[in-house]
C-alpha atoms as a PDB file:
ATOM      1  CA  MET A   1     -28.672 -20.451  61.576  1.00  0.00           C
ATOM      2  CA  THR A   2     -27.047 -23.112  59.456  1.00  0.00           C
ATOM      3  CA  SER A   3     -28.257 -26.779  59.686  1.00  0.00           C
ATOM      4  CA  LEU A   4     -26.147 -29.740  59.447  1.00  0.00           C
ATOM      5  CA  PRO A   5     -26.356 -32.329  56.592  1.00  0.00           C
ATOM      6  CA  ASN A   6     -28.099 -35.653  56.999  1.00  0.00           C
ATOM      7  CA  ARG A   7     -24.961 -38.126  56.799  1.00  0.00           C
ATOM      8  CA  GLU A   8     -25.722 -41.643  56.046  1.00  0.00           C
ATOM      9  CA  PRO A   9     -24.080 -44.292  58.053  1.00  0.00           C
ATOM     10  CA  GLY A  10     -20.842 -45.409  56.517  1.00  0.00           C
ATOM     11  CA  THR A  11     -20.282 -42.095  54.846  1.00  0.00           C
ATOM     12  CA  PRO A  12     -16.573 -41.314  54.968  1.00  0.00           C
ATOM     13  CA  ARG A  13     -15.217 -38.907  57.676  1.00  0.00           C
ATOM     14  CA  LEU A  14     -11.776 -37.611  56.262  1.00  0.00           C
ATOM     15  CA  GLY A  15      -9.417 -36.403  58.757  1.00  0.00           C
ATOM     16  CA  LEU A  16      -6.178 -36.305  60.396  1.00  0.00           C
ATOM     17  CA  VAL A  17      -4.231 -38.385  63.097  1.00  0.00           C
ATOM     18  CA  ILE A  18      -1.505 -36.558  64.775  1.00  0.00           C
ATOM     19  CA  ASP A  19       1.074 -38.387  66.638  1.00  0.00           C
ATOM     20  CA  LEU A  20       2.216 -36.328  69.543  1.00  0.00           C
ATOM     21  CA  ASP A  21       5.094 -38.902  70.359  1.00  0.00           C
ATOM     22  CA  THR A  22       6.944 -38.242  66.971  1.00  0.00           C
ATOM     23  CA  CYS A  23       6.138 -34.469  66.244  1.00  0.00           C
ATOM     24  CA  VAL A  24       9.354 -32.559  66.622  1.00  0.00           C
ATOM     25  CA  GLY A  25       7.799 -29.107  66.343  1.00  0.00           C
ATOM     26  CA  CYS A  26       9.519 -28.316  63.219  1.00  0.00           C
ATOM     27  CA  HIS A  27       6.699 -26.436  61.624  1.00  0.00           C
ATOM     28  CA  ALA A  28       7.113 -27.894  58.193  1.00  0.00           C
ATOM     29  CA  CYS A  29       3.520 -28.711  58.117  1.00  0.00           C
ATOM     30  CA  ALA A  30       2.533 -25.052  58.868  1.00  0.00           C
ATOM     31  CA  VAL A  31       4.821 -23.825  56.084  1.00  0.00           C
ATOM     32  CA  ALA A  32       3.786 -26.397  53.598  1.00  0.00           C
ATOM     33  CA  CYS A  33       0.063 -25.618  54.488  1.00  0.00           C
ATOM     34  CA  LYS A  34       0.640 -21.884  54.075  1.00  0.00           C
ATOM     35  CA  GLN A  35       2.222 -22.340  50.698  1.00  0.00           C
ATOM     36  CA  TRP A  36      -0.252 -24.665  49.261  1.00  0.00           C
ATOM     37  CA  ASN A  37      -3.332 -22.913  50.312  1.00  0.00           C
ATOM     38  CA  ASP A  38      -1.971 -19.451  49.318  1.00  0.00           C
ATOM     39  CA  GLY A  39      -2.688 -20.362  46.005  1.00  0.00           C
ATOM     40  CA  GLY A  40      -5.621 -22.926  46.726  1.00  0.00           C
ATOM     41  CA  HIS A  41      -9.170 -23.097  47.773  1.00  0.00           C
ATOM     42  CA  MET A  42      -9.086 -20.380  50.232  1.00  0.00           C
ATOM     43  CA  ALA A  43      -6.451 -18.163  48.692  1.00  0.00           C
ATOM     44  CA  PRO A  44      -4.890 -15.773  49.296  1.00  0.00           C
ATOM     45  CA  LEU A  45      -3.575 -16.225  53.075  1.00  0.00           C
ATOM     46  CA  THR A  46      -2.913 -12.745  54.006  1.00  0.00           C
ATOM     47  CA  ASP A  47       0.180 -11.529  55.880  1.00  0.00           C
ATOM     48  CA  THR A  48       0.490  -8.307  57.595  1.00  0.00           C
ATOM     49  CA  ASP A  49       3.895  -6.498  58.629  1.00  0.00           C
ATOM     50  CA  ALA A  50       5.618  -9.995  57.669  1.00  0.00           C
ATOM     51  CA  TYR A  51       8.943  -8.382  58.180  1.00  0.00           C
ATOM     52  CA  GLY A  52       8.159  -5.783  60.857  1.00  0.00           C
ATOM     53  CA  ALA A  53       8.098  -5.772  64.705  1.00  0.00           C
ATOM     54  CA  GLY A  54       4.617  -7.262  64.801  1.00  0.00           C
ATOM     55  CA  PRO A  55       4.088  -9.872  62.086  1.00  0.00           C
ATOM     56  CA  ASP A  56       0.768 -11.508  61.651  1.00  0.00           C
ATOM     57  CA  GLY A  57      -1.368 -13.253  59.263  1.00  0.00           C
ATOM     58  CA  VAL A  58      -3.733 -16.295  58.372  1.00  0.00           C
ATOM     59  CA  TRP A  59      -2.109 -19.531  59.278  1.00  0.00           C
ATOM     60  CA  PHE A  60      -4.528 -22.722  59.098  1.00  0.00           C
ATOM     61  CA  ASN A  61      -2.023 -24.825  61.101  1.00  0.00           C
ATOM     62  CA  ARG A  62      -0.306 -23.574  64.069  1.00  0.00           C
ATOM     63  CA  ILE A  63       2.108 -25.428  66.432  1.00  0.00           C
ATOM     64  CA  HIS A  64       2.371 -24.883  70.265  1.00  0.00           C
ATOM     65  CA  SER A  65       5.193 -26.324  72.338  1.00  0.00           C
ATOM     66  CA  PHE A  66       4.526 -27.307  76.072  1.00  0.00           C
ATOM     67  CA  GLU A  67       6.812 -28.663  78.751  1.00  0.00           C
ATOM     68  CA  ALA A  68       5.026 -31.732  80.361  1.00  0.00           C
ATOM     69  CA  GLY A  69       5.838 -33.885  83.174  1.00  0.00           C
ATOM     70  CA  SER A  70       8.094 -33.414  86.248  1.00  0.00           C
ATOM     71  CA  GLU A  71      11.564 -33.817  86.974  1.00  0.00           C
ATOM     72  CA  ARG A  72      10.745 -35.390  90.141  1.00  0.00           C
ATOM     73  CA  GLY A  73      11.776 -39.055  90.288  1.00  0.00           C
ATOM     74  CA  GLY A  74      14.982 -38.906  88.458  1.00  0.00           C
ATOM     75  CA  CYS A  75      16.162 -37.630  84.918  1.00  0.00           C
ATOM     76  CA  GLY A  76      13.825 -38.156  81.937  1.00  0.00           C
ATOM     77  CA  GLY A  77      10.471 -37.258  83.740  1.00  0.00           C
ATOM     78  CA  SER A  78       9.931 -34.057  81.825  1.00  0.00           C
ATOM     79  CA  ARG A  79       9.624 -33.597  78.111  1.00  0.00           C
ATOM     80  CA  THR A  80       8.686 -30.999  75.349  1.00  0.00           C
ATOM     81  CA  THR A  81       5.416 -31.782  73.807  1.00  0.00           C
ATOM     82  CA  ASN A  82       4.657 -30.224  70.248  1.00  0.00           C
ATOM     83  CA  PHE A  83       0.990 -29.595  69.689  1.00  0.00           C
ATOM     84  CA  PRO A  84      -0.074 -28.865  66.118  1.00  0.00           C
ATOM     85  CA  ARG A  85      -3.410 -27.174  65.976  1.00  0.00           C
ATOM     86  CA  SER A  86      -5.890 -26.841  63.186  1.00  0.00           C
ATOM     87  CA  CYS A  87      -9.685 -27.326  62.353  1.00  0.00           C
ATOM     88  CA  LEU A  88     -10.847 -30.781  63.623  1.00  0.00           C
ATOM     89  CA  HIS A  89     -13.609 -30.992  61.089  1.00  0.00           C
ATOM     90  CA  CYS A  90     -16.086 -31.905  63.975  1.00  0.00           C
ATOM     91  CA  GLU A  91     -19.165 -34.317  63.402  1.00  0.00           C
ATOM     92  CA  GLN A  92     -21.161 -31.753  65.395  1.00  0.00           C
ATOM     93  CA  PRO A  93     -19.480 -28.483  64.752  1.00  0.00           C
ATOM     94  CA  ALA A  94     -20.797 -25.500  66.674  1.00  0.00           C
ATOM     95  CA  CYS A  95     -19.202 -23.197  64.166  1.00  0.00           C
ATOM     96  CA  VAL A  96     -21.565 -24.426  61.399  1.00  0.00           C
ATOM     97  CA  THR A  97     -24.781 -24.300  63.441  1.00  0.00           C
ATOM     98  CA  VAL A  98     -24.187 -20.688  64.705  1.00  0.00           C
ATOM     99  CA  CYS A  99     -23.522 -19.202  61.310  1.00  0.00           C
ATOM    100  CA  PRO A 100     -26.333 -16.897  60.249  1.00  0.00           C
ATOM    101  CA  THR A 101     -25.649 -17.007  56.503  1.00  0.00           C
ATOM    102  CA  GLY A 102     -24.859 -20.607  55.774  1.00  0.00           C
ATOM    103  CA  ALA A 103     -21.298 -19.568  54.861  1.00  0.00           C
ATOM    104  CA  SER A 104     -19.933 -21.995  57.247  1.00  0.00           C
ATOM    105  CA  TYR A 105     -20.958 -25.539  56.239  1.00  0.00           C
ATOM    106  CA  LYS A 106     -20.264 -29.237  56.376  1.00  0.00           C
ATOM    107  CA  ARG A 107     -19.884 -31.538  53.335  1.00  0.00           C
ATOM    108  CA  ALA A 108     -22.280 -34.526  53.582  1.00  0.00           C
ATOM    109  CA  GLU A 109     -20.085 -36.625  51.167  1.00  0.00           C
ATOM    110  CA  ASP A 110     -16.802 -36.518  53.415  1.00  0.00           C
ATOM    111  CA  GLY A 111     -17.509 -34.519  56.443  1.00  0.00           C
ATOM    112  CA  ILE A 112     -15.069 -31.813  55.704  1.00  0.00           C
ATOM    113  CA  VAL A 113     -16.104 -28.308  57.227  1.00  0.00           C
ATOM    114  CA  LEU A 114     -15.550 -25.357  54.890  1.00  0.00           C
ATOM    115  CA  VAL A 115     -16.189 -21.695  54.587  1.00  0.00           C
ATOM    116  CA  ASN A 116     -18.082 -20.091  51.525  1.00  0.00           C
ATOM    117  CA  GLU A 117     -16.234 -16.817  51.215  1.00  0.00           C
ATOM    118  CA  ASP A 118     -19.143 -15.382  49.098  1.00  0.00           C
ATOM    119  CA  LEU A 119     -21.647 -15.809  51.781  1.00  0.00           C
ATOM    120  CA  CYS A 120     -19.429 -14.826  54.780  1.00  0.00           C
ATOM    121  CA  ILE A 121     -20.084 -11.500  56.382  1.00  0.00           C
ATOM    122  CA  GLY A 122     -17.253 -11.542  58.871  1.00  0.00           C
ATOM    123  CA  CYS A 123     -19.291 -11.602  61.882  1.00  0.00           C
ATOM    124  CA  LYS A 124     -16.919 -13.871  63.611  1.00  0.00           C
ATOM    125  CA  LEU A 125     -19.647 -15.891  65.402  1.00  0.00           C
ATOM    126  CA  CYS A 126     -18.121 -19.123  64.114  1.00  0.00           C
ATOM    127  CA  SER A 127     -14.707 -18.307  65.741  1.00  0.00           C
ATOM    128  CA  TRP A 128     -16.438 -17.507  68.992  1.00  0.00           C
ATOM    129  CA  ALA A 129     -18.212 -20.789  68.823  1.00  0.00           C
ATOM    130  CA  CYS A 130     -15.182 -22.916  68.116  1.00  0.00           C
ATOM    131  CA  PRO A 131     -13.406 -23.966  71.346  1.00  0.00           C
ATOM    132  CA  TYR A 132     -10.370 -25.062  69.460  1.00  0.00           C
ATOM    133  CA  GLY A 133      -9.299 -21.657  68.093  1.00  0.00           C
ATOM    134  CA  ALA A 134      -9.196 -23.165  64.634  1.00  0.00           C
ATOM    135  CA  ARG A 135     -10.775 -20.104  62.662  1.00  0.00           C
ATOM    136  CA  GLU A 136      -8.695 -17.437  61.098  1.00  0.00           C
ATOM    137  CA  PHE A 137     -10.032 -13.950  60.193  1.00  0.00           C
ATOM    138  CA  ASP A 138      -8.642 -12.538  57.250  1.00  0.00           C
ATOM    139  CA  GLN A 139      -8.627  -8.656  57.967  1.00  0.00           C
ATOM    140  CA  ASP A 140      -7.886  -7.701  54.349  1.00  0.00           C
ATOM    141  CA  VAL A 141     -10.555  -9.568  52.978  1.00  0.00           C
ATOM    142  CA  GLY A 142     -13.160  -9.420  55.797  1.00  0.00           C
ATOM    143  CA  VAL A 143     -14.047 -13.002  55.926  1.00  0.00           C
ATOM    144  CA  MET A 144     -13.211 -15.954  57.927  1.00  0.00           C
ATOM    145  CA  LYS A 145     -11.014 -18.840  56.685  1.00  0.00           C
ATOM    146  CA  LYS A 146      -9.892 -22.189  57.892  1.00  0.00           C
ATOM    147  CA  CYS A 147      -8.247 -25.617  57.076  1.00  0.00           C
ATOM    148  CA  THR A 148      -9.899 -27.185  54.088  1.00  0.00           C
ATOM    149  CA  LEU A 149      -7.800 -30.497  54.469  1.00  0.00           C
ATOM    150  CA  CYS A 150      -6.507 -29.319  51.161  1.00  0.00           C
ATOM    151  CA  ILE A 151      -9.509 -30.373  49.338  1.00  0.00           C
ATOM    152  CA  ASP A 152      -8.240 -29.297  46.141  1.00  0.00           C
ATOM    153  CA  ARG A 153      -5.512 -32.026  46.567  1.00  0.00           C
ATOM    154  CA  ILE A 154      -7.271 -34.944  48.038  1.00  0.00           C
ATOM    155  CA  HIS A 155      -9.820 -35.155  45.264  1.00  0.00           C
ATOM    156  CA  ASN A 156      -7.623 -33.982  42.445  1.00  0.00           C
ATOM    157  CA  GLU A 157      -7.446 -36.918  39.969  1.00  0.00           C
ATOM    158  CA  THR A 158      -4.673 -35.334  38.100  1.00  0.00           C
ATOM    159  CA  LEU A 159      -2.237 -35.857  41.021  1.00  0.00           C
ATOM    160  CA  ALA A 160      -0.766 -39.408  41.695  1.00  0.00           C
ATOM    161  CA  GLU A 161      -2.872 -41.326  44.197  1.00  0.00           C
ATOM    162  CA  SER A 162       0.139 -41.027  46.680  1.00  0.00           C
ATOM    163  CA  GLU A 163       0.048 -37.389  46.528  1.00  0.00           C
ATOM    164  CA  ARG A 164      -3.707 -37.011  47.241  1.00  0.00           C
ATOM    165  CA  VAL A 165      -3.104 -36.190  50.743  1.00  0.00           C
ATOM    166  CA  PRO A 166      -3.011 -32.719  52.735  1.00  0.00           C
ATOM    167  CA  ALA A 167       0.162 -30.846  52.126  1.00  0.00           C
ATOM    168  CA  CYS A 168       1.026 -30.987  55.838  1.00  0.00           C
ATOM    169  CA  VAL A 169       0.996 -34.894  55.778  1.00  0.00           C
ATOM    170  CA  MET A 170       3.246 -34.838  52.432  1.00  0.00           C
ATOM    171  CA  VAL A 171       5.963 -32.851  54.051  1.00  0.00           C
ATOM    172  CA  CYS A 172       6.019 -34.162  57.602  1.00  0.00           C
ATOM    173  CA  PRO A 173       9.799 -35.421  58.071  1.00  0.00           C
ATOM    174  CA  THR A 174       8.746 -37.658  61.103  1.00  0.00           C
ATOM    175  CA  SER A 175       5.495 -38.955  59.595  1.00  0.00           C
ATOM    176  CA  ALA A 176       3.728 -37.719  62.636  1.00  0.00           C
ATOM    177  CA  ARG A 177       0.747 -36.744  60.523  1.00  0.00           C
ATOM    178  CA  HIS A 178      -1.703 -39.300  58.897  1.00  0.00           C
ATOM    179  CA  PHE A 179      -4.610 -38.922  56.614  1.00  0.00           C
ATOM    180  CA  GLY A 180      -7.615 -41.101  55.962  1.00  0.00           C
ATOM    181  CA  ASP A 181     -11.247 -42.214  56.574  1.00  0.00           C
ATOM    182  CA  LEU A 182     -11.836 -42.412  60.236  1.00  0.00           C
ATOM    183  CA  ALA A 183     -15.368 -43.727  59.677  1.00  0.00           C
ATOM    184  CA  ASP A 184     -13.803 -46.902  58.230  1.00  0.00           C
ATOM    185  CA  PRO A 185     -12.636 -49.190  61.128  1.00  0.00           C
ATOM    186  CA  SER A 186     -10.357 -51.029  58.695  1.00  0.00           C
ATOM    187  CA  SER A 187      -8.638 -48.003  57.425  1.00  0.00           C
ATOM    188  CA  ALA A 188      -4.863 -47.519  58.370  1.00  0.00           C
ATOM    189  CA  VAL A 189      -5.764 -44.238  60.578  1.00  0.00           C
ATOM    190  CA  SER A 190      -8.565 -46.161  62.332  1.00  0.00           C
ATOM    191  CA  LYS A 191      -6.235 -48.923  63.130  1.00  0.00           C
ATOM    192  CA  LEU A 192      -3.556 -46.477  64.328  1.00  0.00           C
ATOM    193  CA  VAL A 193      -6.079 -44.856  66.630  1.00  0.00           C
ATOM    194  CA  ALA A 194      -7.176 -48.197  68.046  1.00  0.00           C
ATOM    195  CA  GLU A 195      -3.762 -49.423  68.642  1.00  0.00           C
ATOM    196  CA  ARG A 196      -2.336 -46.212  70.265  1.00  0.00           C
ATOM    197  CA  GLY A 197      -5.188 -45.274  72.013  1.00  0.00           C
ATOM    198  CA  GLY A 198      -5.934 -42.024  70.035  1.00  0.00           C
ATOM    199  CA  TYR A 199      -8.181 -39.549  71.677  1.00  0.00           C
ATOM    200  CA  ASP A 200     -10.488 -36.559  71.012  1.00  0.00           C
ATOM    201  CA  LEU A 201      -9.489 -33.052  71.897  1.00  0.00           C
ATOM    202  CA  MET A 202     -11.994 -32.090  74.731  1.00  0.00           C
ATOM    203  CA  PRO A 203     -14.611 -34.768  74.198  1.00  0.00           C
ATOM    204  CA  GLU A 204     -16.775 -33.466  77.000  1.00  0.00           C
ATOM    205  CA  LEU A 205     -17.749 -30.666  74.678  1.00  0.00           C
ATOM    206  CA  GLY A 206     -19.717 -33.205  72.650  1.00  0.00           C
ATOM    207  CA  TYR A 207     -18.612 -31.691  69.107  1.00  0.00           C
ATOM    208  CA  GLN A 208     -17.157 -35.222  68.243  1.00  0.00           C
ATOM    209  CA  PRO A 209     -13.840 -34.058  66.342  1.00  0.00           C
ATOM    210  CA  THR A 210     -12.920 -36.168  63.340  1.00  0.00           C
ATOM    211  CA  ASN A 211      -9.311 -35.533  63.907  1.00  0.00           C
ATOM    212  CA  LYS A 212      -7.424 -37.684  66.580  1.00  0.00           C
ATOM    213  CA  TYR A 213      -4.317 -37.175  68.623  1.00  0.00           C
ATOM    214  CA  LEU A 214      -1.995 -40.126  69.612  1.00  0.00           C
ATOM    215  CA  PRO A 215      -0.488 -39.642  72.974  1.00  0.00           C
ATOM    216  CA  PRO A 216       3.282 -39.569  73.682  1.00  0.00           C
ATOM    217  CA  ARG A 217       4.698 -43.003  74.528  1.00  0.00           C
ATOM    218  CA  PRO A 218       6.058 -43.141  78.169  1.00  0.00           C
ATOM    219  CA  ARG A 219       9.735 -42.504  78.215  1.00  0.00           C
ATOM    220  CA  PRO A 220      12.141 -44.783  80.424  1.00  0.00           C
ATOM    221  CA  THR A 221      13.347 -42.979  83.350  1.00  0.00           C
ATOM    222  CA  LEU A 222      16.686 -43.516  85.194  1.00  0.00           C
ATOM    223  CA  ALA A 223      17.658 -42.424  88.429  1.00  0.00           C
ATOM    224  CA  LEU A 224      20.191 -39.572  88.389  1.00  0.00           C
ATOM    225  CA  ASP A 225      22.916 -41.794  90.076  1.00  0.00           C
ATOM    226  CA  GLU A 226      22.295 -44.677  87.716  1.00  0.00           C
ATOM    227  CA  ARG A 227      22.515 -42.425  84.605  1.00  0.00           C
ATOM    228  CA  VAL A 228      25.757 -40.731  85.635  1.00  0.00           C
ATOM    229  CA  THR A 229      27.015 -44.418  86.335  1.00  0.00           C
ATOM    230  CA  LYS A 230      26.098 -45.513  82.754  1.00  0.00           C
ATOM    231  CA  ASP A 231      27.686 -42.477  81.098  1.00  0.00           C
ATOM    232  CA  SER A 232      30.867 -42.803  83.090  1.00  0.00           C
ATOM    233  CA  ALA A 233      31.123 -46.457  81.958  1.00  0.00           C
ATOM    234  CA  ASN A 234      30.913 -45.334  78.398  1.00  0.00           C
ATOM    235  CA  ASP A 235      33.900 -42.928  78.719  1.00  0.00           C
ATOM    236  CA  ASP A 236      36.243 -46.014  79.120  1.00  0.00           C
ATOM    237  CA  GLN A 237      35.245 -47.223  75.786  1.00  0.00           C
ATOM    238  CA  PRO A 238      37.595 -46.645  72.916  1.00  0.00           C
ATOM    239  CA  LEU A 239      36.382 -44.201  70.052  1.00  0.00           C
ATOM    240  CA  HIS A 240      36.554 -45.599  66.418  1.00  0.00           C
ATOM    241  CA  GLY A 241      36.082 -44.111  62.855  1.00  0.00           C
ATOM    242  CA  LEU A 242      34.055 -40.932  62.685  1.00  0.00           C
ATOM    243  CA  LEU A 243      33.807 -40.571  66.455  1.00  0.00           C
ATOM    244  CA  LYS A 244      37.635 -40.725  66.955  1.00  0.00           C
ATOM    245  CA  TRP A 245      38.051 -38.179  64.129  1.00  0.00           C
ATOM    246  CA  ALA A 246      35.562 -35.865  65.641  1.00  0.00           C
ATOM    247  CA  ASP A 247      37.141 -36.159  69.138  1.00  0.00           C
ATOM    248  CA  ARG A 248      40.439 -35.321  67.795  1.00  0.00           C
ATOM    249  CA  ILE A 249      39.039 -32.052  65.927  1.00  0.00           C
ATOM    250  CA  LEU A 250      37.135 -30.884  68.924  1.00  0.00           C
ATOM    251  CA  ALA A 251      40.105 -31.532  71.219  1.00  0.00           C
ATOM    252  CA  ARG A 252      42.261 -28.955  69.484  1.00  0.00           C
END
């Protein structure tokens, strides 16, 4: 089995902070990840039956949407939460220690978990060991693949410094994804986690994920009668400019 590296205190822990309050589930991060990595470190990312009845393929980033809360207690109690899921680059990754060939490994210098395809035998032990479902088996090649944090971007000195972030972070239209050193308490991502109460996914398992999630902010709720009253009051206000034009067009 594979051993974890001895990481010195203060060594960077590069990872993502994902804001569940502002993620709108647009899948821009998943598409950008697919596009960049299809020609990057873990390329190619295989697709099967892409335009058929049962499309499938390798995606390092997947987005799940859930309805959370309850309608009880008035309007606004329920909301849709969009939950992006990818490798969390754990500090104690079971996917690494279970690997019989050393193909799955953790970098000592930045904490990123990677797969060496030349050593992978496709046994899938790592995917069984990962409780987050972050491993993707490429059936065409017969090896396991996963998020690399765009390692070929973040350490690429030919890119402008502002572009040395994972592709998913670059394209997020609502700035719901943040990248940085979570071992440095003074970094922007660490401060964000502290301010917003960021948390680990399933911390009871003891894998110490590097990536953090920021919880949705509470929404103000109004009783149904109060909400109707407010909306009715707005109906008496005169329309101006663009709203007046749109009302006239739609009333035809």
